[in-house]
Protein backbone atom coordinates (compact mmCIF):
# COMPACT_ATOMS: atom_id res chain seq x y z
CA MET A 1 7.16 173.22 -35.80
CA LEU A 2 3.55 173.76 -37.33
CA GLU A 3 4.47 175.68 -40.06
CA GLN A 4 7.26 173.22 -40.91
CA LEU A 5 4.59 170.26 -41.51
CA LYS A 6 2.77 172.26 -43.70
CA LYS A 7 5.37 172.57 -45.72
CA ILE A 8 6.22 169.47 -45.70
CA LEU A 9 2.85 168.57 -46.59
CA SER A 10 2.67 170.97 -49.16
CA GLU A 11 5.48 169.90 -50.80
CA ALA A 12 4.11 166.30 -51.49
CA GLU A 13 1.57 167.06 -52.35
CA VAL A 14 3.30 168.31 -55.23
CA GLU A 15 5.36 165.74 -55.81
CA LEU A 16 3.29 163.02 -54.94
CA SER A 17 0.63 164.73 -57.60
CA SER A 18 3.96 164.16 -60.61
CA VAL A 19 5.30 160.74 -59.37
CA ASP A 20 5.13 157.85 -62.53
CA SER A 21 6.68 155.26 -61.61
CA SER A 22 6.95 153.01 -58.79
CA GLU A 23 10.55 154.01 -58.11
CA SER A 24 9.78 158.00 -57.43
CA LEU A 25 7.24 156.45 -55.34
CA GLU A 26 9.95 154.78 -53.23
CA THR A 27 12.64 157.64 -53.63
CA ALA A 28 9.60 160.04 -52.00
CA ARG A 29 8.46 157.93 -49.43
CA ILE A 30 12.32 157.84 -47.96
CA LYS A 31 12.61 161.31 -48.72
CA TYR A 32 9.40 161.83 -46.28
CA LEU A 33 8.90 158.72 -44.35
CA GLY A 34 12.04 157.07 -44.06
CA ARG A 35 14.08 156.32 -40.62
CA LYS A 36 16.01 160.15 -41.66
CA GLY A 37 12.73 161.38 -43.48
CA LEU A 38 11.34 164.58 -42.87
CA LEU A 39 8.64 163.89 -40.66
CA PRO A 40 10.64 161.48 -38.34
CA SER A 41 13.17 164.56 -38.06
CA LEU A 42 10.71 166.77 -37.34
CA SER A 43 8.65 163.91 -35.20
CA GLY A 44 12.51 164.35 -32.69
CA GLU A 45 12.16 167.46 -32.82
CA MET A 46 8.80 167.13 -29.94
CA LYS A 47 11.47 167.12 -27.01
CA LYS A 48 12.67 170.76 -26.88
CA LEU A 49 8.54 171.65 -27.43
CA THR A 50 7.78 173.75 -24.03
CA SER A 51 4.57 171.77 -22.20
CA GLU A 52 1.98 173.66 -24.02
CA GLU A 53 3.52 173.40 -27.50
CA ARG A 54 3.66 170.27 -27.38
CA PRO A 55 -0.24 169.00 -27.59
CA ALA A 56 -0.80 171.51 -30.88
CA ALA A 57 2.57 169.89 -32.22
CA GLY A 58 1.28 166.39 -32.09
CA LYS A 59 -2.20 167.07 -33.15
CA ALA A 60 -0.59 168.16 -36.25
CA LEU A 61 2.20 165.67 -36.69
CA ASN A 62 -0.39 163.15 -36.46
CA HIS A 63 -2.70 164.82 -39.22
CA THR A 64 0.16 165.37 -41.05
CA LYS A 65 1.46 161.75 -41.42
CA LYS A 66 -2.62 160.47 -41.26
CA VAL A 67 -2.86 162.59 -44.97
CA LEU A 68 0.80 161.56 -46.02
CA SER A 69 -0.64 158.18 -45.76
CA GLU A 70 -3.61 158.71 -47.90
CA LEU A 71 -1.10 160.77 -51.10
CA PHE A 72 1.30 157.26 -51.14
CA GLU A 73 -1.66 155.04 -50.84
CA GLN A 74 -3.71 157.23 -54.34
CA ALA A 75 -0.08 157.66 -55.85
CA GLU A 76 1.32 153.85 -55.36
CA LYS A 77 -3.00 152.71 -57.56
CA ARG A 78 -2.09 155.25 -59.56
CA CYS A 79 1.45 154.12 -60.68
CA ASN A 80 0.20 150.84 -60.40
CA THR A 81 -1.97 151.64 -63.46
CA SER A 82 -0.30 152.71 -65.09
CA GLU A 83 2.74 150.72 -65.35
CA ILE A 84 -0.05 147.91 -65.85
CA GLY A 85 -0.76 149.31 -68.87
CA ASP A 86 2.56 150.12 -70.55
CA SER A 87 3.29 147.87 -73.00
CA LYS A 88 6.55 145.79 -71.49
CA PHE A 89 3.59 144.85 -68.94
CA SER A 90 0.92 144.21 -70.98
CA ILE A 91 -0.69 140.75 -71.43
CA ASP A 92 -1.55 139.28 -74.79
CA VAL A 93 -4.42 137.13 -74.10
CA THR A 94 -4.07 135.30 -77.62
CA LEU A 95 -0.57 133.46 -76.22
CA PRO A 96 -1.26 129.80 -75.12
CA GLY A 97 -1.10 129.86 -71.28
CA ARG A 98 1.98 128.86 -69.68
CA ILE A 99 1.96 124.74 -68.62
CA GLY A 100 3.72 123.90 -64.84
CA ASN A 101 6.00 121.10 -64.33
CA CYS A 102 4.20 117.93 -63.54
CA GLY A 103 5.68 115.61 -61.13
CA THR A 104 6.01 111.68 -62.48
CA LYS A 105 5.65 108.78 -60.55
CA HIS A 106 8.31 107.22 -58.81
CA PRO A 107 10.08 104.75 -60.26
CA ILE A 108 8.60 101.45 -57.63
CA THR A 109 5.55 103.12 -58.02
CA GLY A 110 5.53 102.64 -61.81
CA ILE A 111 7.29 98.86 -61.87
CA ILE A 112 3.84 98.36 -59.85
CA ASP A 113 1.56 100.09 -61.91
CA GLU A 114 3.09 98.17 -64.83
CA SER A 115 3.50 94.92 -62.94
CA VAL A 116 -0.40 95.09 -61.86
CA GLU A 117 -1.91 95.97 -65.06
CA ILE A 118 0.12 93.28 -66.94
CA PHE A 119 -0.73 90.69 -64.29
CA ARG A 120 -4.91 92.68 -65.16
CA ARG A 121 -4.98 91.47 -68.59
CA MET A 122 -4.05 87.72 -67.53
CA GLY A 123 -7.07 87.71 -65.67
CA PHE A 124 -5.72 88.08 -62.31
CA ILE A 125 -6.61 91.06 -59.32
CA VAL A 126 -6.04 92.45 -57.22
CA ALA A 127 -5.20 92.05 -53.26
CA ASP A 128 -4.34 93.66 -50.41
CA GLY A 129 -3.78 93.10 -46.78
CA PRO A 130 -2.20 94.99 -43.26
CA GLU A 131 1.46 95.18 -43.65
CA ILE A 132 1.06 94.23 -39.05
CA GLU A 133 0.55 90.72 -39.55
CA SER A 134 -0.42 87.80 -36.83
CA VAL A 135 2.54 85.16 -36.57
CA ARG A 136 -0.02 82.35 -37.83
CA ASN A 137 -0.55 84.51 -41.13
CA ASN A 138 3.12 85.02 -41.99
CA PHE A 139 4.40 82.06 -41.04
CA ASP A 140 2.68 78.57 -38.98
CA ALA A 141 0.04 79.01 -42.25
CA LEU A 142 2.67 79.30 -44.40
CA ASN A 143 3.87 76.09 -43.60
CA THR A 144 6.88 77.78 -42.69
CA PRO A 145 8.83 75.30 -39.38
CA ALA A 146 9.44 76.43 -35.77
CA ASP A 147 12.71 76.34 -36.72
CA HIS A 148 13.17 78.50 -40.06
CA PRO A 149 16.04 81.51 -39.71
CA SER A 150 13.08 83.76 -41.34
CA ARG A 151 11.48 83.62 -37.01
CA ASP A 152 14.11 84.58 -35.71
CA PRO A 153 14.34 88.25 -34.63
CA MET A 154 17.18 89.17 -35.87
CA ASP A 155 15.45 89.24 -39.24
CA THR A 156 11.42 90.18 -38.08
CA PHE A 157 10.46 93.26 -36.57
CA TYR A 158 8.26 91.96 -33.56
CA PHE A 159 6.12 94.37 -31.35
CA GLU A 160 5.46 92.89 -27.64
CA ASP A 161 1.84 91.69 -28.75
CA GLY A 162 3.77 88.97 -30.71
CA ARG A 163 2.89 90.52 -34.16
CA LEU A 164 5.23 91.54 -36.29
CA LEU A 165 5.74 93.64 -39.45
CA ARG A 166 5.11 91.28 -42.55
CA THR A 167 8.33 90.11 -43.88
CA GLN A 168 6.28 88.57 -47.12
CA THR A 169 3.36 89.89 -48.60
CA SER A 170 1.79 85.99 -48.90
CA PRO A 171 0.17 86.89 -46.58
CA VAL A 172 -1.87 88.55 -48.33
CA GLN A 173 -2.68 84.90 -49.96
CA ILE A 174 -3.92 83.64 -46.21
CA ARG A 175 -6.75 86.18 -46.25
CA THR A 176 -7.53 85.79 -49.39
CA MET A 177 -7.99 82.44 -49.44
CA GLU A 178 -9.42 82.08 -46.27
CA SER A 179 -12.50 84.74 -46.89
CA ASN A 180 -13.15 83.35 -50.73
CA GLU A 181 -13.93 80.09 -52.41
CA PRO A 182 -11.91 79.25 -55.15
CA PRO A 183 -10.79 79.03 -58.04
CA ILE A 184 -8.57 82.45 -57.03
CA ARG A 185 -5.90 84.65 -59.52
CA ILE A 186 -4.99 87.77 -57.33
CA VAL A 187 -1.41 89.80 -57.04
CA ALA A 188 -0.33 91.70 -54.06
CA PRO A 189 1.65 94.50 -54.06
CA GLY A 190 2.52 95.93 -51.19
CA ARG A 191 5.30 96.74 -48.99
CA CYS A 192 7.51 94.58 -46.61
CA PHE A 193 10.17 94.74 -44.17
CA ARG A 194 13.42 92.40 -42.47
CA ARG A 195 15.67 93.37 -40.64
CA ASP A 196 18.43 93.31 -43.51
CA THR A 197 21.55 95.87 -43.36
CA PRO A 198 21.30 98.15 -46.01
CA ASP A 199 23.90 98.52 -49.02
CA ALA A 200 23.50 98.71 -52.74
CA THR A 201 21.42 95.37 -53.04
CA HIS A 202 19.39 95.13 -49.64
CA SER A 203 16.61 97.64 -47.77
CA MET A 204 14.80 97.41 -44.48
CA ASN A 205 12.57 98.14 -46.50
CA PHE A 206 10.87 96.88 -49.74
CA HIS A 207 8.02 95.55 -52.11
CA GLN A 208 6.35 92.72 -53.74
CA ILE A 209 4.25 91.56 -55.92
CA GLU A 210 2.70 88.28 -55.03
CA GLY A 211 0.25 86.04 -57.48
CA LEU A 212 -1.86 83.02 -56.10
CA TYR A 213 -3.68 81.33 -59.46
CA ILE A 214 -5.84 78.16 -57.25
CA ASP A 215 -8.04 76.20 -59.38
CA LYS A 216 -8.37 72.45 -60.81
CA ASP A 217 -5.35 70.93 -62.08
CA VAL A 218 -3.25 73.69 -61.96
CA SER A 219 0.39 72.69 -63.41
CA MET A 220 3.97 74.67 -63.51
CA ALA A 221 2.90 74.62 -67.25
CA ASP A 222 0.57 77.25 -66.41
CA LEU A 223 3.34 78.98 -63.62
CA LYS A 224 5.48 79.78 -66.29
CA SER A 225 3.44 81.20 -69.24
CA VAL A 226 2.48 83.21 -67.38
CA LEU A 227 6.27 83.92 -65.81
CA LEU A 228 7.21 84.11 -69.68
CA ASN A 229 3.88 85.96 -70.86
CA TYR A 230 5.24 88.88 -67.79
CA ALA A 231 8.55 88.84 -68.86
CA HIS A 232 7.14 89.41 -72.23
CA GLU A 233 5.33 92.70 -71.94
CA LEU A 234 7.58 93.94 -69.07
CA PHE A 235 11.02 93.53 -71.14
CA GLY A 236 10.03 92.95 -74.63
CA PRO A 237 8.96 89.41 -76.46
CA ASP A 238 13.31 88.52 -76.55
CA VAL A 239 13.34 87.79 -72.93
CA SER A 240 13.45 84.07 -71.73
CA ILE A 241 12.74 82.65 -69.04
CA ARG A 242 14.60 79.73 -66.83
CA LEU A 243 13.38 77.70 -63.50
CA ARG A 244 14.99 75.92 -61.69
CA PRO A 245 14.75 73.73 -58.26
CA HIS A 246 14.85 75.59 -55.60
CA PHE A 247 13.03 75.03 -51.73
CA PHE A 248 10.09 77.34 -49.81
CA PRO A 249 8.32 75.80 -47.34
CA PHE A 250 4.83 77.10 -48.82
CA THR A 251 5.22 75.40 -52.24
CA GLU A 252 5.74 72.60 -54.14
CA PRO A 253 7.65 71.92 -55.86
CA SER A 254 9.55 74.84 -55.50
CA VAL A 255 11.48 77.21 -58.34
CA GLU A 256 13.78 80.18 -58.96
CA TYR A 257 12.81 81.85 -61.69
CA ASP A 258 15.10 84.05 -64.10
CA PHE A 259 15.14 85.96 -67.04
CA SER A 260 17.66 86.54 -69.20
CA CYS A 261 20.10 89.63 -68.87
CA ILE A 262 18.68 92.42 -71.11
CA MET A 263 21.77 93.93 -70.51
CA CYS A 264 23.08 92.34 -72.98
CA GLY A 265 21.20 90.00 -74.95
CA GLY A 266 21.85 86.81 -72.29
CA LYS A 267 25.55 86.60 -74.07
CA GLY A 268 26.76 87.29 -71.38
CA CYS A 269 28.18 90.45 -69.06
CA GLY A 270 28.98 92.01 -65.76
CA VAL A 271 25.98 92.79 -65.04
CA CYS A 272 24.93 89.01 -65.49
CA LYS A 273 28.00 87.42 -63.99
CA ASN A 274 28.69 86.45 -67.29
CA SER A 275 25.71 84.13 -67.21
CA GLY A 276 23.27 85.46 -69.45
CA TRP A 277 19.72 85.47 -66.40
CA LEU A 278 19.57 87.64 -63.97
CA GLU A 279 17.28 86.10 -60.75
CA ILE A 280 14.68 87.30 -60.34
CA ALA A 281 12.78 85.78 -57.19
CA GLY A 282 10.59 82.42 -56.04
CA ALA A 283 8.01 80.64 -57.44
CA GLY A 284 6.34 77.36 -57.29
CA ILE A 285 2.89 74.83 -56.83
CA VAL A 286 1.23 75.75 -52.99
CA ASP A 287 1.22 73.05 -51.42
CA PRO A 288 -1.00 70.60 -50.51
CA GLU A 289 -0.17 71.71 -46.20
CA VAL A 290 -0.89 75.31 -47.22
CA LEU A 291 -4.46 74.32 -48.75
CA THR A 292 -5.40 72.74 -45.78
CA ASN A 293 -4.87 75.60 -43.47
CA VAL A 294 -6.99 77.84 -45.02
CA GLY A 295 -9.81 75.34 -45.35
CA TYR A 296 -9.22 74.23 -49.11
CA ASP A 297 -8.82 70.57 -50.15
CA PRO A 298 -5.88 69.63 -51.95
CA GLU A 299 -7.48 67.00 -53.62
CA VAL A 300 -9.53 69.00 -55.52
CA TRP A 301 -8.11 72.13 -55.35
CA SER A 302 -4.03 72.87 -56.72
CA GLY A 303 -2.54 76.17 -57.75
CA PHE A 304 1.20 78.33 -57.90
CA ALA A 305 2.41 81.08 -56.25
CA PHE A 306 4.74 83.40 -57.48
CA GLY A 307 6.28 86.59 -56.24
CA MET A 308 9.73 89.02 -56.98
CA GLY A 309 10.86 92.61 -55.79
CA ILE A 310 9.43 95.46 -57.49
CA GLU A 311 13.17 97.30 -57.04
CA ARG A 312 15.20 94.59 -58.33
CA ILE A 313 12.65 94.83 -61.27
CA ALA A 314 13.28 98.91 -61.28
CA MET A 315 16.34 97.90 -61.01
CA ILE A 316 16.85 95.65 -64.02
CA LYS A 317 15.00 97.73 -66.00
CA TYR A 318 16.28 101.09 -65.08
CA ARG A 319 20.12 99.96 -65.06
CA ILE A 320 19.92 101.08 -61.28
CA ASN A 321 23.06 99.90 -59.72
CA ASP A 322 22.71 100.87 -56.20
CA ILE A 323 18.97 100.18 -54.20
CA ARG A 324 19.95 103.16 -52.22
CA LEU A 325 19.16 105.38 -54.73
CA LEU A 326 15.27 104.34 -54.63
CA TYR A 327 14.51 106.20 -50.94
CA GLU A 328 16.70 108.99 -50.75
CA ASN A 329 14.40 111.49 -52.52
CA ASP A 330 16.81 112.80 -54.50
CA ILE A 331 15.56 115.23 -57.09
CA ARG A 332 18.28 114.53 -59.39
CA PHE A 333 17.58 110.97 -59.99
CA LEU A 334 13.75 110.89 -59.90
CA LYS A 335 13.20 113.63 -62.16
CA GLN A 336 15.31 111.00 -65.06
CA PHE A 337 11.77 109.09 -64.94
């Protein structure tokens, strides 16, 4: 066995000295060290040796393994150096670098950022508040009656301690007014939660952007001018706006506002149900009772508030027909933005 080990080592030294590629090096590795290679096969012969022969044979076998490993390591370094220097692996440092694929904003984030920038140009600042709110801030201070359907556990997520997941971003208005003296001009983008059954136009988790302006002698004309300017900047100068009478507990008078359909230009199509208008959200003059609840004198101060769903704006702007697409994280859908 000792003679065979010497022969294997001698042959390996000669063969590895002429190896010049990764392929030939791997072939040699399999030949000498592979599972059925020369050295493992010879190692299996140890059981045939006598107890007197085994110590010397084992020592020689370990020595051969060590030397072979060193030879293969040296040959590998030589091959790597040779291949890097070869023309097909060379690097032209004068070529421009590769530009990685950069991610883009999610359509919801994009609409929020774009809307915030529009309102900032009109003098609004961003306000924020917690997603877990008190019943007072979410309902009571906003003049919502105790028997209002929105308070029902079938519509709102309540915690055992009485708090809730906010159903709207309007509580930010209450927090802002209670901690600041007027005049106030804010927008509050954020996430809201309601017990809705998910379908093409509804989700239990959605986003709103709320607006509030408190000052002296604020009128409905001021509200309409802000909303019209927002519509023009977001959808273009050809978009019109209309206000329709409605009711909300926290505004009086209250309106729902529509934008002329951007799909058909107001002529009527399947998207706007041939009406020429797209319903956006609600708004109105802040109810004097709400001002009283936060310590403002309604004889001195007045204001307007408005709110809109970010997902609805995104669906209109990007022609999305199912709100669930915004939450499924399908890269084929998101990469379009």
